[in-house]
Amino acid sequence: MTYFFMIIGFVILLCIVIAGLQNGLPLQFKFLLWDLQTTVTAMLFWAAVAGALVVAVISLPKLAAKSMESRRLHKEVDRLEKLCMEGTKARTMVREKSKPTDAPM
């Protein structure tokens, strides 16, 4: 699934590059108090960067929660493995003690 998203990202990037190369005309951009003179290529690039940043910021809480859950589960696995090893040692000791001895009567 990771490769699928990488391919989709590459195709989108390729489309942005092609559109940028074909549209090198200057562009007047006005937004509230901003008045920018730039090329279409630069505008597409910065729009893509801004979109990537928004997605990254939105996904951070979910990634942090997954990381914390993974850390908690690893600790739980370690604790259970230790408990299992202790139980195995205890059973082995009980079996050894309960073996009949070969002492003559």
PDB file of N, CA and C in Angstrom:
ATOM      1  N   MET A   1       0.824  -1.186   0.000  1.00  0.00           N
ATOM      2  CA  MET A   1       0.000   0.000   0.000  1.00  0.00           C
ATOM      3  C   MET A   1       0.873   1.256   0.000  1.00  0.00           C
ATOM      4  N   THR A   2       2.047   1.165   0.643  1.00  0.00           N
ATOM      5  CA  THR A   2       2.952   2.303   0.689  1.00  0.00           C
ATOM      6  C   THR A   2       3.424   2.665  -0.709  1.00  0.00           C
ATOM      7  N   TYR A   3       3.717   1.634  -1.512  1.00  0.00           N
ATOM      8  CA  TYR A   3       4.172   1.894  -2.875  1.00  0.00           C
ATOM      9  C   TYR A   3       3.090   2.581  -3.700  1.00  0.00           C
ATOM     10  N   PHE A   4       1.828   2.229  -3.446  1.00  0.00           N
ATOM     11  CA  PHE A   4       0.733   2.868  -4.161  1.00  0.00           C
ATOM     12  C   PHE A   4       0.721   4.373  -3.910  1.00  0.00           C
ATOM     13  N   PHE A   5       0.852   4.778  -2.646  1.00  0.00           N
ATOM     14  CA  PHE A   5       0.850   6.196  -2.316  1.00  0.00           C
ATOM     15  C   PHE A   5       2.101   6.899  -2.847  1.00  0.00           C
ATOM     16  N   MET A   6       3.224   6.191  -2.866  1.00  0.00           N
ATOM     17  CA  MET A   6       4.435   6.778  -3.438  1.00  0.00           C
ATOM     18  C   MET A   6       4.258   7.022  -4.934  1.00  0.00           C
ATOM     19  N   ILE A   7       3.639   6.078  -5.626  1.00  0.00           N
ATOM     20  CA  ILE A   7       3.407   6.233  -7.063  1.00  0.00           C
ATOM     21  C   ILE A   7       2.441   7.380  -7.315  1.00  0.00           C
ATOM     22  N   ILE A   8       1.377   7.468  -6.534  1.00  0.00           N
ATOM     23  CA  ILE A   8       0.413   8.566  -6.686  1.00  0.00           C
ATOM     24  C   ILE A   8       1.102   9.905  -6.432  1.00  0.00           C
ATOM     25  N   GLY A   9       1.928   9.981  -5.394  1.00  0.00           N
ATOM     26  CA  GLY A   9       2.667  11.217  -5.111  1.00  0.00           C
ATOM     27  C   GLY A   9       3.606  11.587  -6.243  1.00  0.00           C
ATOM     28  N   PHE A  10       4.276  10.581  -6.818  1.00  0.00           N
ATOM     29  CA  PHE A  10       5.179  10.851  -7.926  1.00  0.00           C
ATOM     30  C   PHE A  10       4.414  11.352  -9.146  1.00  0.00           C
ATOM     31  N   VAL A  11       3.261  10.773  -9.427  1.00  0.00           N
ATOM     32  CA  VAL A  11       2.453  11.213 -10.578  1.00  0.00           C
ATOM     33  C   VAL A  11       1.984  12.650 -10.364  1.00  0.00           C
ATOM     34  N   ILE A  12       1.552  12.975  -9.156  1.00  0.00           N
ATOM     35  CA  ILE A  12       1.119  14.353  -8.877  1.00  0.00           C
ATOM     36  C   ILE A  12       2.285  15.317  -9.032  1.00  0.00           C
ATOM     37  N   LEU A  13       3.447  14.936  -8.505  1.00  0.00           N
ATOM     38  CA  LEU A  13       4.642  15.773  -8.648  1.00  0.00           C
ATOM     39  C   LEU A  13       5.015  15.957 -10.117  1.00  0.00           C
ATOM     40  N   LEU A  14       4.924  14.887 -10.876  1.00  0.00           N
ATOM     41  CA  LEU A  14       5.226  14.968 -12.307  1.00  0.00           C
ATOM     42  C   LEU A  14       4.259  15.917 -13.015  1.00  0.00           C
ATOM     43  N   CYS A  15       2.989  15.855 -12.664  1.00  0.00           N
ATOM     44  CA  CYS A  15       1.999  16.769 -13.256  1.00  0.00           C
ATOM     45  C   CYS A  15       2.303  18.223 -12.901  1.00  0.00           C
ATOM     46  N   ILE A  16       2.719  18.461 -11.668  1.00  0.00           N
ATOM     47  CA  ILE A  16       3.057  19.825 -11.247  1.00  0.00           C
ATOM     48  C   ILE A  16       4.267  20.332 -12.035  1.00  0.00           C
ATOM     49  N   VAL A  17       5.258  19.485 -12.202  1.00  0.00           N
ATOM     50  CA  VAL A  17       6.462  19.892 -12.955  1.00  0.00           C
ATOM     51  C   VAL A  17       6.117  20.178 -14.404  1.00  0.00           C
ATOM     52  N   ILE A  18       5.334  19.312 -15.021  1.00  0.00           N
ATOM     53  CA  ILE A  18       4.957  19.523 -16.421  1.00  0.00           C
ATOM     54  C   ILE A  18       4.148  20.813 -16.565  1.00  0.00           C
ATOM     55  N   ALA A  19       3.183  21.020 -15.667  1.00  0.00           N
ATOM     56  CA  ALA A  19       2.380  22.246 -15.727  1.00  0.00           C
ATOM     57  C   ALA A  19       3.260  23.467 -15.506  1.00  0.00           C
ATOM     58  N   GLY A  20       4.233  23.352 -14.621  1.00  0.00           N
ATOM     59  CA  GLY A  20       5.129  24.480 -14.364  1.00  0.00           C
ATOM     60  C   GLY A  20       6.004  24.802 -15.559  1.00  0.00           C
ATOM     61  N   LEU A  21       6.490  23.778 -16.227  1.00  0.00           N
ATOM     62  CA  LEU A  21       7.330  24.014 -17.401  1.00  0.00           C
ATOM     63  C   LEU A  21       6.543  24.614 -18.564  1.00  0.00           C
ATOM     64  N   GLN A  22       5.293  24.253 -18.681  1.00  0.00           N
ATOM     65  CA  GLN A  22       4.485  24.763 -19.782  1.00  0.00           C
ATOM     66  C   GLN A  22       3.893  26.145 -19.488  1.00  0.00           C
ATOM     67  N   ASN A  23       3.864  26.542 -18.222  1.00  0.00           N
ATOM     68  CA  ASN A  23       3.235  27.810 -17.846  1.00  0.00           C
ATOM     69  C   ASN A  23       4.216  28.673 -17.059  1.00  0.00           C
ATOM     70  N   GLY A  24       5.199  29.210 -17.729  1.00  0.00           N
ATOM     71  CA  GLY A  24       6.189  30.042 -17.068  1.00  0.00           C
ATOM     72  C   GLY A  24       5.831  31.514 -17.061  1.00  0.00           C
ATOM     73  N   LEU A  25       4.593  31.826 -17.266  1.00  0.00           N
ATOM     74  CA  LEU A  25       4.156  33.224 -17.334  1.00  0.00           C
ATOM     75  C   LEU A  25       4.081  33.842 -15.943  1.00  0.00           C
ATOM     76  N   PRO A  26       4.295  35.151 -15.853  1.00  0.00           N
ATOM     77  CA  PRO A  26       4.160  35.817 -14.550  1.00  0.00           C
ATOM     78  C   PRO A  26       2.693  35.848 -14.113  1.00  0.00           C
ATOM     79  N   LEU A  27       2.510  35.850 -12.815  1.00  0.00           N
ATOM     80  CA  LEU A  27       1.174  35.808 -12.249  1.00  0.00           C
ATOM     81  C   LEU A  27       1.070  36.856 -11.143  1.00  0.00           C
ATOM     82  N   GLN A  28       0.013  37.643 -11.180  1.00  0.00           N
ATOM     83  CA  GLN A  28      -0.263  38.628 -10.134  1.00  0.00           C
ATOM     84  C   GLN A  28      -1.210  37.976  -9.139  1.00  0.00           C
ATOM     85  N   PHE A  29      -0.793  37.876  -7.893  1.00  0.00           N
ATOM     86  CA  PHE A  29      -1.589  37.213  -6.860  1.00  0.00           C
ATOM     87  C   PHE A  29      -1.901  38.218  -5.760  1.00  0.00           C
ATOM     88  N   LYS A  30      -3.193  38.434  -5.510  1.00  0.00           N
ATOM     89  CA  LYS A  30      -3.620  39.354  -4.446  1.00  0.00           C
ATOM     90  C   LYS A  30      -4.497  38.589  -3.471  1.00  0.00           C
ATOM     91  N   PHE A  31      -4.144  38.722  -2.177  1.00  0.00           N
ATOM     92  CA  PHE A  31      -4.928  38.102  -1.118  1.00  0.00           C
ATOM     93  C   PHE A  31      -4.872  39.022   0.093  1.00  0.00           C
ATOM     94  N   LEU A  32      -6.003  39.564   0.478  1.00  0.00           N
ATOM     95  CA  LEU A  32      -6.115  40.527   1.561  1.00  0.00           C
ATOM     96  C   LEU A  32      -5.094  41.646   1.383  1.00  0.00           C
ATOM     97  N   LEU A  33      -4.057  41.691   2.210  1.00  0.00           N
ATOM     98  CA  LEU A  33      -3.059  42.756   2.100  1.00  0.00           C
ATOM     99  C   LEU A  33      -1.850  42.340   1.279  1.00  0.00           C
ATOM    100  N   TRP A  34      -1.783  41.105   0.870  1.00  0.00           N
ATOM    101  CA  TRP A  34      -0.638  40.623   0.098  1.00  0.00           C
ATOM    102  C   TRP A  34      -0.837  40.938  -1.374  1.00  0.00           C
ATOM    103  N   ASP A  35       0.244  41.292  -2.002  1.00  0.00           N
ATOM    104  CA  ASP A  35       0.242  41.522  -3.449  1.00  0.00           C
ATOM    105  C   ASP A  35       1.535  40.934  -3.994  1.00  0.00           C
ATOM    106  N   LEU A  36       1.446  39.744  -4.563  1.00  0.00           N
ATOM    107  CA  LEU A  36       2.631  39.026  -5.021  1.00  0.00           C
ATOM    108  C   LEU A  36       2.695  38.959  -6.534  1.00  0.00           C
ATOM    109  N   GLN A  37       3.884  39.092  -7.064  1.00  0.00           N
ATOM    110  CA  GLN A  37       4.144  38.896  -8.481  1.00  0.00           C
ATOM    111  C   GLN A  37       5.073  37.684  -8.571  1.00  0.00           C
ATOM    112  N   THR A  38       4.570  36.584  -9.119  1.00  0.00           N
ATOM    113  CA  THR A  38       5.344  35.348  -9.204  1.00  0.00           C
ATOM    114  C   THR A  38       4.942  34.580 -10.459  1.00  0.00           C
ATOM    115  N   THR A  39       5.600  33.467 -10.698  1.00  0.00           N
ATOM    116  CA  THR A  39       5.244  32.634 -11.858  1.00  0.00           C
ATOM    117  C   THR A  39       4.226  31.587 -11.425  1.00  0.00           C
ATOM    118  N   VAL A  40       3.562  31.015 -12.412  1.00  0.00           N
ATOM    119  CA  VAL A  40       2.599  29.951 -12.136  1.00  0.00           C
ATOM    120  C   VAL A  40       3.320  28.758 -11.510  1.00  0.00           C
ATOM    121  N   THR A  41       4.525  28.498 -11.985  1.00  0.00           N
ATOM    122  CA  THR A  41       5.316  27.377 -11.461  1.00  0.00           C
ATOM    123  C   THR A  41       5.582  27.537  -9.960  1.00  0.00           C
ATOM    124  N   ALA A  42       6.016  28.716  -9.571  1.00  0.00           N
ATOM    125  CA  ALA A  42       6.285  28.964  -8.157  1.00  0.00           C
ATOM    126  C   ALA A  42       5.007  28.876  -7.333  1.00  0.00           C
ATOM    127  N   MET A  43       3.909  29.381  -7.875  1.00  0.00           N
ATOM    128  CA  MET A  43       2.637  29.335  -7.159  1.00  0.00           C
ATOM    129  C   MET A  43       2.187  27.888  -6.962  1.00  0.00           C
ATOM    130  N   LEU A  44       2.319  27.051  -7.989  1.00  0.00           N
ATOM    131  CA  LEU A  44       1.965  25.637  -7.853  1.00  0.00           C
ATOM    132  C   LEU A  44       2.857  24.942  -6.830  1.00  0.00           C
ATOM    133  N   PHE A  45       4.144  25.255  -6.866  1.00  0.00           N
ATOM    134  CA  PHE A  45       5.085  24.650  -5.928  1.00  0.00           C
ATOM    135  C   PHE A  45       4.720  24.999  -4.486  1.00  0.00           C
ATOM    136  N   TRP A  46       4.508  26.281  -4.216  1.00  0.00           N
ATOM    137  CA  TRP A  46       4.201  26.695  -2.853  1.00  0.00           C
ATOM    138  C   TRP A  46       2.829  26.213  -2.395  1.00  0.00           C
ATOM    139  N   ALA A  47       1.892  26.082  -3.325  1.00  0.00           N
ATOM    140  CA  ALA A  47       0.588  25.520  -2.966  1.00  0.00           C
ATOM    141  C   ALA A  47       0.734  24.048  -2.579  1.00  0.00           C
ATOM    142  N   ALA A  48       1.577  23.309  -3.295  1.00  0.00           N
ATOM    143  CA  ALA A  48       1.824  21.903  -2.968  1.00  0.00           C
ATOM    144  C   ALA A  48       2.532  21.782  -1.618  1.00  0.00           C
ATOM    145  N   VAL A  49       3.501  22.644  -1.357  1.00  0.00           N
ATOM    146  CA  VAL A  49       4.206  22.624  -0.072  1.00  0.00           C
ATOM    147  C   VAL A  49       3.233  22.938   1.068  1.00  0.00           C
ATOM    148  N   ALA A  50       2.385  23.929   0.872  1.00  0.00           N
ATOM    149  CA  ALA A  50       1.409  24.290   1.904  1.00  0.00           C
ATOM    150  C   ALA A  50       0.438  23.130   2.159  1.00  0.00           C
ATOM    151  N   GLY A  51       0.001  22.464   1.108  1.00  0.00           N
ATOM    152  CA  GLY A  51      -0.888  21.309   1.265  1.00  0.00           C
ATOM    153  C   GLY A  51      -0.215  20.178   2.015  1.00  0.00           C
ATOM    154  N   ALA A  52       1.054  19.924   1.705  1.00  0.00           N
ATOM    155  CA  ALA A  52       1.796  18.869   2.405  1.00  0.00           C
ATOM    156  C   ALA A  52       1.948  19.213   3.884  1.00  0.00           C
ATOM    157  N   LEU A  53       2.201  20.473   4.191  1.00  0.00           N
ATOM    158  CA  LEU A  53       2.325  20.887   5.591  1.00  0.00           C
ATOM    159  C   LEU A  53       1.010  20.732   6.348  1.00  0.00           C
ATOM    160  N   VAL A  54      -0.079  21.070   5.709  1.00  0.00           N
ATOM    161  CA  VAL A  54      -1.393  20.929   6.353  1.00  0.00           C
ATOM    162  C   VAL A  54      -1.668  19.455   6.651  1.00  0.00           C
ATOM    163  N   VAL A  55      -1.395  18.585   5.683  1.00  0.00           N
ATOM    164  CA  VAL A  55      -1.610  17.150   5.893  1.00  0.00           C
ATOM    165  C   VAL A  55      -0.717  16.638   7.016  1.00  0.00           C
ATOM    166  N   ALA A  56       0.545  17.078   7.054  1.00  0.00           N
ATOM    167  CA  ALA A  56       1.480  16.637   8.095  1.00  0.00           C
ATOM    168  C   ALA A  56       1.002  17.074   9.470  1.00  0.00           C
ATOM    169  N   VAL A  57       0.557  18.314   9.594  1.00  0.00           N
ATOM    170  CA  VAL A  57       0.098  18.829  10.894  1.00  0.00           C
ATOM    171  C   VAL A  57      -1.173  18.102  11.336  1.00  0.00           C
ATOM    172  N   ILE A  58      -2.066  17.824  10.410  1.00  0.00           N
ATOM    173  CA  ILE A  58      -3.310  17.147  10.757  1.00  0.00           C
ATOM    174  C   ILE A  58      -3.044  15.703  11.191  1.00  0.00           C
ATOM    175  N   SER A  59      -2.057  15.048  10.581  1.00  0.00           N
ATOM    176  CA  SER A  59      -1.804  13.644  10.895  1.00  0.00           C
ATOM    177  C   SER A  59      -0.902  13.442  12.112  1.00  0.00           C
ATOM    178  N   LEU A  60      -0.276  14.496  12.641  1.00  0.00           N
ATOM    179  CA  LEU A  60       0.618  14.350  13.789  1.00  0.00           C
ATOM    180  C   LEU A  60      -0.045  13.737  15.025  1.00  0.00           C
ATOM    181  N   PRO A  61      -1.229  14.167  15.441  1.00  0.00           N
ATOM    182  CA  PRO A  61      -1.818  13.552  16.641  1.00  0.00           C
ATOM    183  C   PRO A  61      -2.048  12.051  16.484  1.00  0.00           C
ATOM    184  N   LYS A  62      -2.490  11.621  15.314  1.00  0.00           N
ATOM    185  CA  LYS A  62      -2.727  10.196  15.089  1.00  0.00           C
ATOM    186  C   LYS A  62      -1.409   9.421  15.115  1.00  0.00           C
ATOM    187  N   LEU A  63      -0.365   9.977  14.518  1.00  0.00           N
ATOM    188  CA  LEU A  63       0.936   9.322  14.534  1.00  0.00           C
ATOM    189  C   LEU A  63       1.498   9.237  15.944  1.00  0.00           C
ATOM    190  N   ALA A  64       1.324  10.280  16.726  1.00  0.00           N
ATOM    191  CA  ALA A  64       1.801  10.269  18.109  1.00  0.00           C
ATOM    192  C   ALA A  64       1.041   9.231  18.925  1.00  0.00           C
ATOM    193  N   ALA A  65      -0.258   9.132  18.734  1.00  0.00           N
ATOM    194  CA  ALA A  65      -1.056   8.150  19.464  1.00  0.00           C
ATOM    195  C   ALA A  65      -0.636   6.728  19.097  1.00  0.00           C
ATOM    196  N   LYS A  66      -0.379   6.496  17.810  1.00  0.00           N
ATOM    197  CA  LYS A  66       0.070   5.168  17.386  1.00  0.00           C
ATOM    198  C   LYS A  66       1.429   4.836  17.977  1.00  0.00           C
ATOM    199  N   SER A  67       2.314   5.799  18.032  1.00  0.00           N
ATOM    200  CA  SER A  67       3.637   5.576  18.602  1.00  0.00           C
ATOM    201  C   SER A  67       3.540   5.238  20.082  1.00  0.00           C
ATOM    202  N   MET A  68       2.720   5.957  20.816  1.00  0.00           N
ATOM    203  CA  MET A  68       2.552   5.692  22.242  1.00  0.00           C
ATOM    204  C   MET A  68       1.917   4.319  22.466  1.00  0.00           C
ATOM    205  N   GLU A  69       0.946   3.958  21.652  1.00  0.00           N
ATOM    206  CA  GLU A  69       0.298   2.648  21.764  1.00  0.00           C
ATOM    207  C   GLU A  69       1.296   1.533  21.451  1.00  0.00           C
ATOM    208  N   SER A  70       2.117   1.732  20.447  1.00  0.00           N
ATOM    209  CA  SER A  70       3.140   0.745  20.091  1.00  0.00           C
ATOM    210  C   SER A  70       4.133   0.559  21.232  1.00  0.00           C
ATOM    211  N   ARG A  71       4.568   1.647  21.828  1.00  0.00           N
ATOM    212  CA  ARG A  71       5.497   1.583  22.957  1.00  0.00           C
ATOM    213  C   ARG A  71       4.863   0.835  24.130  1.00  0.00           C
ATOM    214  N   ARG A  72       3.595   1.115  24.408  1.00  0.00           N
ATOM    215  CA  ARG A  72       2.895   0.444  25.500  1.00  0.00           C
ATOM    216  C   ARG A  72       2.775  -1.053  25.224  1.00  0.00           C
ATOM    217  N   LEU A  73       2.460  -1.418  23.984  1.00  0.00           N
ATOM    218  CA  LEU A  73       2.316  -2.829  23.640  1.00  0.00           C
ATOM    219  C   LEU A  73       3.647  -3.572  23.704  1.00  0.00           C
ATOM    220  N   HIS A  74       4.735  -2.914  23.310  1.00  0.00           N
ATOM    221  CA  HIS A  74       6.060  -3.545  23.411  1.00  0.00           C
ATOM    222  C   HIS A  74       6.412  -3.815  24.872  1.00  0.00           C
ATOM    223  N   LYS A  75       6.110  -2.878  25.749  1.00  0.00           N
ATOM    224  CA  LYS A  75       6.358  -3.088  27.174  1.00  0.00           C
ATOM    225  C   LYS A  75       5.519  -4.246  27.701  1.00  0.00           C
ATOM    226  N   GLU A  76       4.272  -4.335  27.261  1.00  0.00           N
ATOM    227  CA  GLU A  76       3.388  -5.415  27.688  1.00  0.00           C
ATOM    228  C   GLU A  76       3.912  -6.771  27.206  1.00  0.00           C
ATOM    229  N   VAL A  77       4.384  -6.826  25.972  1.00  0.00           N
ATOM    230  CA  VAL A  77       4.960  -8.071  25.443  1.00  0.00           C
ATOM    231  C   VAL A  77       6.188  -8.470  26.252  1.00  0.00           C
ATOM    232  N   ASP A  78       7.053  -7.515  26.547  1.00  0.00           N
ATOM    233  CA  ASP A  78       8.243  -7.813  27.353  1.00  0.00           C
ATOM    234  C   ASP A  78       7.845  -8.341  28.733  1.00  0.00           C
ATOM    235  N   ARG A  79       6.847  -7.722  29.355  1.00  0.00           N
ATOM    236  CA  ARG A  79       6.398  -8.158  30.677  1.00  0.00           C
ATOM    237  C   ARG A  79       5.834  -9.572  30.614  1.00  0.00           C
ATOM    238  N   LEU A  80       5.027  -9.862  29.591  1.00  0.00           N
ATOM    239  CA  LEU A  80       4.435 -11.191  29.463  1.00  0.00           C
ATOM    240  C   LEU A  80       5.485 -12.253  29.143  1.00  0.00           C
ATOM    241  N   GLU A  81       6.489 -11.899  28.320  1.00  0.00           N
ATOM    242  CA  GLU A  81       7.564 -12.845  28.037  1.00  0.00           C
ATOM    243  C   GLU A  81       8.338 -13.178  29.310  1.00  0.00           C
ATOM    244  N   LYS A  82       8.606 -12.172  30.115  1.00  0.00           N
ATOM    245  CA  LYS A  82       9.313 -12.392  31.378  1.00  0.00           C
ATOM    246  C   LYS A  82       8.477 -13.274  32.297  1.00  0.00           C
ATOM    247  N   LEU A  83       7.183 -13.004  32.386  1.00  0.00           N
ATOM    248  CA  LEU A  83       6.276 -13.796  33.218  1.00  0.00           C
ATOM    249  C   LEU A  83       6.215 -15.241  32.717  1.00  0.00           C
ATOM    250  N   CYS A  84       6.190 -15.421  31.421  1.00  0.00           N
ATOM    251  CA  CYS A  84       6.159 -16.759  30.831  1.00  0.00           C
ATOM    252  C   CYS A  84       7.441 -17.526  31.156  1.00  0.00           C
ATOM    253  N   MET A  85       8.574 -16.847  31.048  1.00  0.00           N
ATOM    254  CA  MET A  85       9.851 -17.492  31.362  1.00  0.00           C
ATOM    255  C   MET A  85       9.907 -17.891  32.833  1.00  0.00           C
ATOM    256  N   GLU A  86       9.417 -17.039  33.724  1.00  0.00           N
ATOM    257  CA  GLU A  86       9.387 -17.361  35.149  1.00  0.00           C
ATOM    258  C   GLU A  86       8.489 -18.561  35.411  1.00  0.00           C
ATOM    259  N   GLY A  87       7.354 -18.627  34.739  1.00  0.00           N
ATOM    260  CA  GLY A  87       6.440 -19.759  34.895  1.00  0.00           C
ATOM    261  C   GLY A  87       7.060 -21.049  34.380  1.00  0.00           C
ATOM    262  N   THR A  88       7.790 -20.979  33.284  1.00  0.00           N
ATOM    263  CA  THR A  88       8.457 -22.157  32.733  1.00  0.00           C
ATOM    264  C   THR A  88       9.526 -22.654  33.693  1.00  0.00           C
ATOM    265  N   LYS A  89      10.282 -21.749  34.271  1.00  0.00           N
ATOM    266  CA  LYS A  89      11.314 -22.133  35.239  1.00  0.00           C
ATOM    267  C   LYS A  89      10.671 -22.771  36.466  1.00  0.00           C
ATOM    268  N   ALA A  90       9.574 -22.221  36.931  1.00  0.00           N
ATOM    269  CA  ALA A  90       8.901 -22.759  38.120  1.00  0.00           C
ATOM    270  C   ALA A  90       8.372 -24.158  37.835  1.00  0.00           C
ATOM    271  N   ARG A  91       7.775 -24.385  36.671  1.00  0.00           N
ATOM    272  CA  ARG A  91       7.262 -25.717  36.326  1.00  0.00           C
ATOM    273  C   ARG A  91       8.392 -26.727  36.224  1.00  0.00           C
ATOM    274  N   THR A  92       9.521 -26.309  35.672  1.00  0.00           N
ATOM    275  CA  THR A  92      10.672 -27.197  35.551  1.00  0.00           C
ATOM    276  C   THR A  92      11.186 -27.595  36.931  1.00  0.00           C
ATOM    277  N   MET A  93      11.231 -26.626  37.844  1.00  0.00           N
ATOM    278  CA  MET A  93      11.703 -26.921  39.197  1.00  0.00           C
ATOM    279  C   MET A  93      10.747 -27.870  39.907  1.00  0.00           C
ATOM    280  N   VAL A  94       9.451 -27.715  39.737  1.00  0.00           N
ATOM    281  CA  VAL A  94       8.459 -28.577  40.377  1.00  0.00           C
ATOM    282  C   VAL A  94       8.589 -29.989  39.833  1.00  0.00           C
ATOM    283  N   ARG A  95       8.770 -30.133  38.525  1.00  0.00           N
ATOM    284  CA  ARG A  95       8.927 -31.455  37.916  1.00  0.00           C
ATOM    285  C   ARG A  95      10.174 -32.155  38.438  1.00  0.00           C
ATOM    286  N   GLU A  96      11.253 -31.392  38.572  1.00  0.00           N
ATOM    287  CA  GLU A  96      12.494 -31.993  39.053  1.00  0.00           C
ATOM    288  C   GLU A  96      12.358 -32.446  40.502  1.00  0.00           C
ATOM    289  N   LYS A  97      11.642 -31.702  41.309  1.00  0.00           N
ATOM    290  CA  LYS A  97      11.451 -32.065  42.715  1.00  0.00           C
ATOM    291  C   LYS A  97      10.517 -33.262  42.854  1.00  0.00           C
ATOM    292  N   SER A  98       9.547 -33.387  41.956  1.00  0.00           N
ATOM    293  CA  SER A  98       8.564 -34.460  42.079  1.00  0.00           C
ATOM    294  C   SER A  98       9.015 -35.759  41.415  1.00  0.00           C
ATOM    295  N   LYS A  99      10.170 -35.802  40.789  1.00  0.00           N
ATOM    296  CA  LYS A  99      10.669 -37.027  40.198  1.00  0.00           C
ATOM    297  C   LYS A  99      10.977 -38.027  41.310  1.00  0.00           C
ATOM    298  N   PRO A 100      10.613 -39.299  41.085  1.00  0.00           N
ATOM    299  CA  PRO A 100      10.943 -40.288  42.103  1.00  0.00           C
ATOM    300  C   PRO A 100      12.452 -40.518  42.157  1.00  0.00           C
ATOM    301  N   THR A 101      12.948 -40.703  43.324  1.00  0.00           N
ATOM    302  CA  THR A 101      14.387 -40.937  43.485  1.00  0.00           C
ATOM    303  C   THR A 101      14.659 -42.428  43.351  1.00  0.00           C
ATOM    304  N   ASP A 102      15.819 -42.763  42.953  1.00  0.00           N
ATOM    305  CA  ASP A 102      16.210 -44.149  42.768  1.00  0.00           C
ATOM    306  C   ASP A 102      16.924 -44.698  44.004  1.00  0.00           C
ATOM    307  N   ALA A 103      16.534 -44.258  45.159  1.00  0.00           N
ATOM    308  CA  ALA A 103      17.178 -44.702  46.404  1.00  0.00           C
ATOM    309  C   ALA A 103      16.616 -46.067  46.808  1.00  0.00           C
ATOM    310  N   PRO A 104      17.493 -47.020  47.173  1.00  0.00           N
ATOM    311  CA  PRO A 104      16.989 -48.342  47.590  1.00  0.00           C
ATOM    312  C   PRO A 104      16.329 -48.283  48.974  1.00  0.00           C
ATOM    313  N   MET A 105      15.377 -49.165  49.177  1.00  0.00           N
ATOM    314  CA  MET A 105      14.689 -49.183  50.471  1.00  0.00           C
ATOM    315  C   MET A 105      15.144 -50.290  51.323  1.00  0.00           C
TER     316      MET A 105
END
